[in-house]
N, C-alpha and C. Protein backbone atom coordinates (compact mmCIF):
# COMPACT_ATOMS: atom_id res chain seq x y z
N MET A 1 -2.05 -2.57 -29.66
CA MET A 1 -3.16 -1.68 -29.28
C MET A 1 -2.49 -0.32 -28.25
N ASN A 2 -3.09 0.69 -28.52
CA ASN A 2 -2.61 1.79 -27.98
C ASN A 2 -3.38 1.91 -26.60
N PRO A 3 -2.63 1.88 -25.51
CA PRO A 3 -3.18 1.83 -24.01
C PRO A 3 -4.06 3.16 -23.88
N LEU A 4 -3.63 4.04 -24.55
CA LEU A 4 -4.55 5.35 -24.13
C LEU A 4 -5.81 5.42 -24.87
N ALA A 5 -6.10 4.63 -25.84
CA ALA A 5 -7.17 4.53 -26.42
C ALA A 5 -8.35 3.58 -25.80
N THR A 6 -7.69 3.08 -24.77
CA THR A 6 -8.69 2.19 -23.88
C THR A 6 -9.51 3.10 -23.01
N ASP A 7 -10.88 2.70 -22.75
CA ASP A 7 -11.72 3.26 -21.63
C ASP A 7 -11.29 2.65 -20.40
N TRP A 8 -10.84 3.43 -19.57
CA TRP A 8 -10.41 3.05 -18.05
C TRP A 8 -11.54 3.32 -17.07
N PRO A 9 -11.98 2.26 -16.38
CA PRO A 9 -13.01 2.64 -15.40
C PRO A 9 -12.38 3.32 -14.14
N ILE A 10 -12.39 4.70 -14.20
CA ILE A 10 -11.87 5.38 -13.05
C ILE A 10 -13.00 6.04 -12.38
N LYS A 11 -13.17 5.89 -11.05
CA LYS A 11 -14.22 6.37 -10.22
C LYS A 11 -14.33 7.86 -10.37
N ARG A 12 -15.41 8.59 -10.07
CA ARG A 12 -15.69 9.77 -10.29
C ARG A 12 -15.05 10.57 -8.95
N ARG A 13 -15.07 11.67 -8.96
CA ARG A 13 -14.18 12.43 -7.87
C ARG A 13 -15.08 12.18 -6.62
N SER A 14 -14.18 11.96 -5.40
CA SER A 14 -14.91 12.05 -4.18
C SER A 14 -15.40 13.13 -3.49
N ASP A 15 -16.07 13.06 -2.73
CA ASP A 15 -16.70 14.31 -2.05
C ASP A 15 -15.93 14.58 -0.72
N TYR A 16 -14.84 13.67 -0.49
CA TYR A 16 -14.05 13.96 0.80
C TYR A 16 -12.65 13.80 0.39
N CYS A 17 -11.77 14.14 1.51
CA CYS A 17 -10.31 14.13 1.24
C CYS A 17 -9.93 12.56 1.56
N HIS A 18 -9.09 11.76 0.68
CA HIS A 18 -8.79 10.56 0.98
C HIS A 18 -8.06 10.35 2.23
N VAL A 19 -7.10 11.33 2.60
CA VAL A 19 -6.35 11.09 3.73
C VAL A 19 -7.05 11.47 5.11
N THR A 20 -7.84 12.75 5.05
CA THR A 20 -8.30 13.10 6.37
C THR A 20 -9.94 12.73 6.53
N GLN A 21 -10.48 12.44 5.44
CA GLN A 21 -11.88 12.03 5.49
C GLN A 21 -12.82 13.29 5.43
N ARG A 22 -12.02 14.52 5.42
CA ARG A 22 -12.97 15.73 5.65
C ARG A 22 -13.66 15.99 4.25
N PRO A 23 -14.92 16.19 4.47
CA PRO A 23 -15.72 16.58 3.03
C PRO A 23 -15.08 18.01 2.45
N PHE A 24 -15.20 17.97 1.16
CA PHE A 24 -14.62 19.23 0.31
C PHE A 24 -15.89 20.03 0.18
N ALA A 25 -15.44 21.33 0.75
CA ALA A 25 -16.41 22.44 0.72
C ALA A 25 -16.73 22.89 -0.79
N PRO A 26 -18.10 23.28 -1.15
CA PRO A 26 -18.30 23.65 -2.68
C PRO A 26 -17.16 24.53 -3.24
N GLY A 27 -16.76 24.27 -4.35
CA GLY A 27 -15.97 25.07 -5.00
C GLY A 27 -14.22 24.97 -4.55
N GLU A 28 -14.06 24.10 -3.51
CA GLU A 28 -12.67 23.96 -2.99
C GLU A 28 -11.81 23.10 -3.99
N LEU A 29 -10.62 23.60 -4.03
CA LEU A 29 -9.79 23.00 -4.98
C LEU A 29 -9.18 21.82 -4.40
N PHE A 30 -9.28 20.80 -5.08
CA PHE A 30 -8.62 19.51 -4.66
C PHE A 30 -7.68 18.95 -5.86
N TYR A 31 -6.91 17.77 -5.41
CA TYR A 31 -6.00 17.31 -6.11
C TYR A 31 -6.40 15.83 -6.41
N THR A 32 -6.28 15.15 -7.69
CA THR A 32 -6.40 13.83 -8.00
C THR A 32 -5.22 13.06 -8.15
N LEU A 33 -5.05 11.91 -7.45
CA LEU A 33 -3.72 11.34 -7.73
C LEU A 33 -4.45 9.84 -8.37
N LEU A 34 -3.76 9.40 -9.45
CA LEU A 34 -4.10 8.00 -10.00
C LEU A 34 -2.86 7.20 -9.94
N TYR A 35 -3.15 5.75 -9.32
CA TYR A 35 -2.16 4.98 -9.04
C TYR A 35 -2.51 3.56 -10.04
N SER A 36 -1.34 3.09 -10.73
CA SER A 36 -1.71 1.87 -11.33
C SER A 36 -2.00 0.90 -10.25
N ASP A 37 -3.03 0.25 -10.81
CA ASP A 37 -3.52 -0.80 -9.57
C ASP A 37 -4.06 -2.25 -10.41
N GLY A 38 -3.04 -3.31 -10.53
CA GLY A 38 -3.58 -4.35 -11.24
C GLY A 38 -3.95 -3.86 -12.64
N ASP A 39 -5.00 -4.41 -13.29
CA ASP A 39 -5.55 -4.18 -14.55
C ASP A 39 -5.86 -2.73 -14.92
N GLY A 40 -5.90 -1.84 -13.95
CA GLY A 40 -6.44 -0.48 -14.01
C GLY A 40 -5.92 0.26 -13.17
N PHE A 41 -6.77 1.57 -12.70
CA PHE A 41 -6.14 2.43 -11.80
C PHE A 41 -6.93 2.70 -10.69
N ARG A 42 -6.23 3.30 -9.72
CA ARG A 42 -6.95 3.52 -8.35
C ARG A 42 -6.80 5.18 -8.22
N ARG A 43 -7.91 5.80 -7.93
CA ARG A 43 -8.08 7.34 -7.61
C ARG A 43 -8.06 7.68 -6.17
N GLU A 44 -7.30 8.76 -5.89
CA GLU A 44 -7.13 9.38 -4.51
C GLU A 44 -7.49 10.66 -4.70
N ASP A 45 -8.47 11.40 -4.10
CA ASP A 45 -8.53 12.85 -4.10
C ASP A 45 -8.25 13.35 -2.71
N LEU A 46 -7.42 14.61 -2.95
CA LEU A 46 -6.72 15.01 -1.79
C LEU A 46 -7.17 16.59 -1.76
N SER A 47 -7.25 17.02 -0.27
CA SER A 47 -7.34 18.47 -0.18
C SER A 47 -6.04 19.08 -0.40
N GLU A 48 -6.09 20.50 -0.66
CA GLU A 48 -4.69 21.40 -0.74
C GLU A 48 -3.77 21.22 0.13
N GLU A 49 -4.22 21.03 1.27
CA GLU A 49 -3.12 20.85 2.60
C GLU A 49 -2.67 19.45 2.44
N MET A 50 -3.38 18.47 2.15
CA MET A 50 -2.92 17.13 2.22
C MET A 50 -1.98 17.19 0.94
N ARG A 51 -2.26 17.61 -0.03
CA ARG A 51 -1.46 17.43 -1.29
C ARG A 51 -0.12 17.99 -1.02
N ARG A 52 -0.05 19.16 -0.34
CA ARG A 52 1.38 19.77 0.12
C ARG A 52 1.96 18.56 0.94
N ARG A 53 1.53 18.16 1.86
CA ARG A 53 1.96 17.21 2.72
C ARG A 53 2.35 15.99 2.30
N PHE A 54 1.47 15.36 1.37
CA PHE A 54 1.50 14.30 0.71
C PHE A 54 3.02 14.21 -0.33
N PHE A 55 3.31 15.32 -1.07
CA PHE A 55 4.32 15.54 -1.66
C PHE A 55 5.53 15.82 -0.99
N GLY A 56 5.58 16.08 0.42
CA GLY A 56 6.78 16.33 1.05
C GLY A 56 7.45 14.86 1.42
N ALA A 57 8.68 14.84 1.40
CA ALA A 57 9.53 13.67 1.38
C ALA A 57 9.25 12.72 2.63
N SER A 58 9.21 13.42 3.96
CA SER A 58 8.80 12.88 5.20
C SER A 58 7.52 12.00 5.15
N LEU A 59 6.50 12.81 4.53
CA LEU A 59 5.22 12.13 4.44
C LEU A 59 5.32 10.88 3.68
N ARG A 60 5.85 10.83 2.46
CA ARG A 60 6.02 9.72 1.64
C ARG A 60 6.89 8.46 2.38
N ARG A 61 7.68 8.89 3.33
CA ARG A 61 8.55 7.91 3.78
C ARG A 61 7.78 7.33 5.09
N GLN A 62 6.97 8.13 5.62
CA GLN A 62 5.93 7.90 6.70
C GLN A 62 4.89 6.82 6.13
N MET A 63 4.27 7.21 5.17
CA MET A 63 3.25 6.58 4.61
C MET A 63 3.55 5.30 3.64
N ARG A 64 4.93 5.22 3.36
CA ARG A 64 5.43 4.35 2.42
C ARG A 64 4.27 4.10 1.33
N ARG A 65 4.11 5.19 0.49
CA ARG A 65 3.05 5.35 -0.68
C ARG A 65 3.99 5.09 -1.88
N PRO A 66 3.29 4.41 -3.07
CA PRO A 66 3.98 4.62 -4.28
C PRO A 66 3.77 5.64 -4.93
N THR A 67 4.74 6.04 -5.78
CA THR A 67 4.49 7.34 -6.69
C THR A 67 3.39 7.25 -7.46
N PRO A 68 2.43 8.38 -7.60
CA PRO A 68 1.27 8.17 -8.64
C PRO A 68 1.69 8.19 -10.02
N VAL A 69 0.86 7.50 -11.03
CA VAL A 69 1.07 7.60 -12.19
C VAL A 69 0.67 8.88 -12.88
N SER A 70 -0.10 9.62 -12.16
CA SER A 70 -0.50 10.87 -12.72
C SER A 70 -1.32 11.61 -11.62
N SER A 71 -1.13 12.99 -11.52
CA SER A 71 -1.86 13.82 -10.67
C SER A 71 -2.36 15.22 -11.43
N TRP A 72 -3.58 15.55 -11.09
CA TRP A 72 -3.97 17.02 -11.65
C TRP A 72 -4.82 17.59 -10.46
N PRO A 73 -4.87 18.99 -10.44
CA PRO A 73 -5.77 19.73 -9.86
C PRO A 73 -7.13 19.75 -10.55
């Protein structure tokens, strides 16, 4: 079976940044990260500022976060 043909229950985008909990402004650019989580995926939406910091090596070490399966703006 092709895993890409399966419907995955991924939550709709959040109204706020996953890291800072700051609400997104209307039309603000944000980034979505998908993580493999058990039998499905976990979604995190980040502000532009947190996306830059998230992909910095020091923050990855500090937060000890896994590498996302996918990310897109």
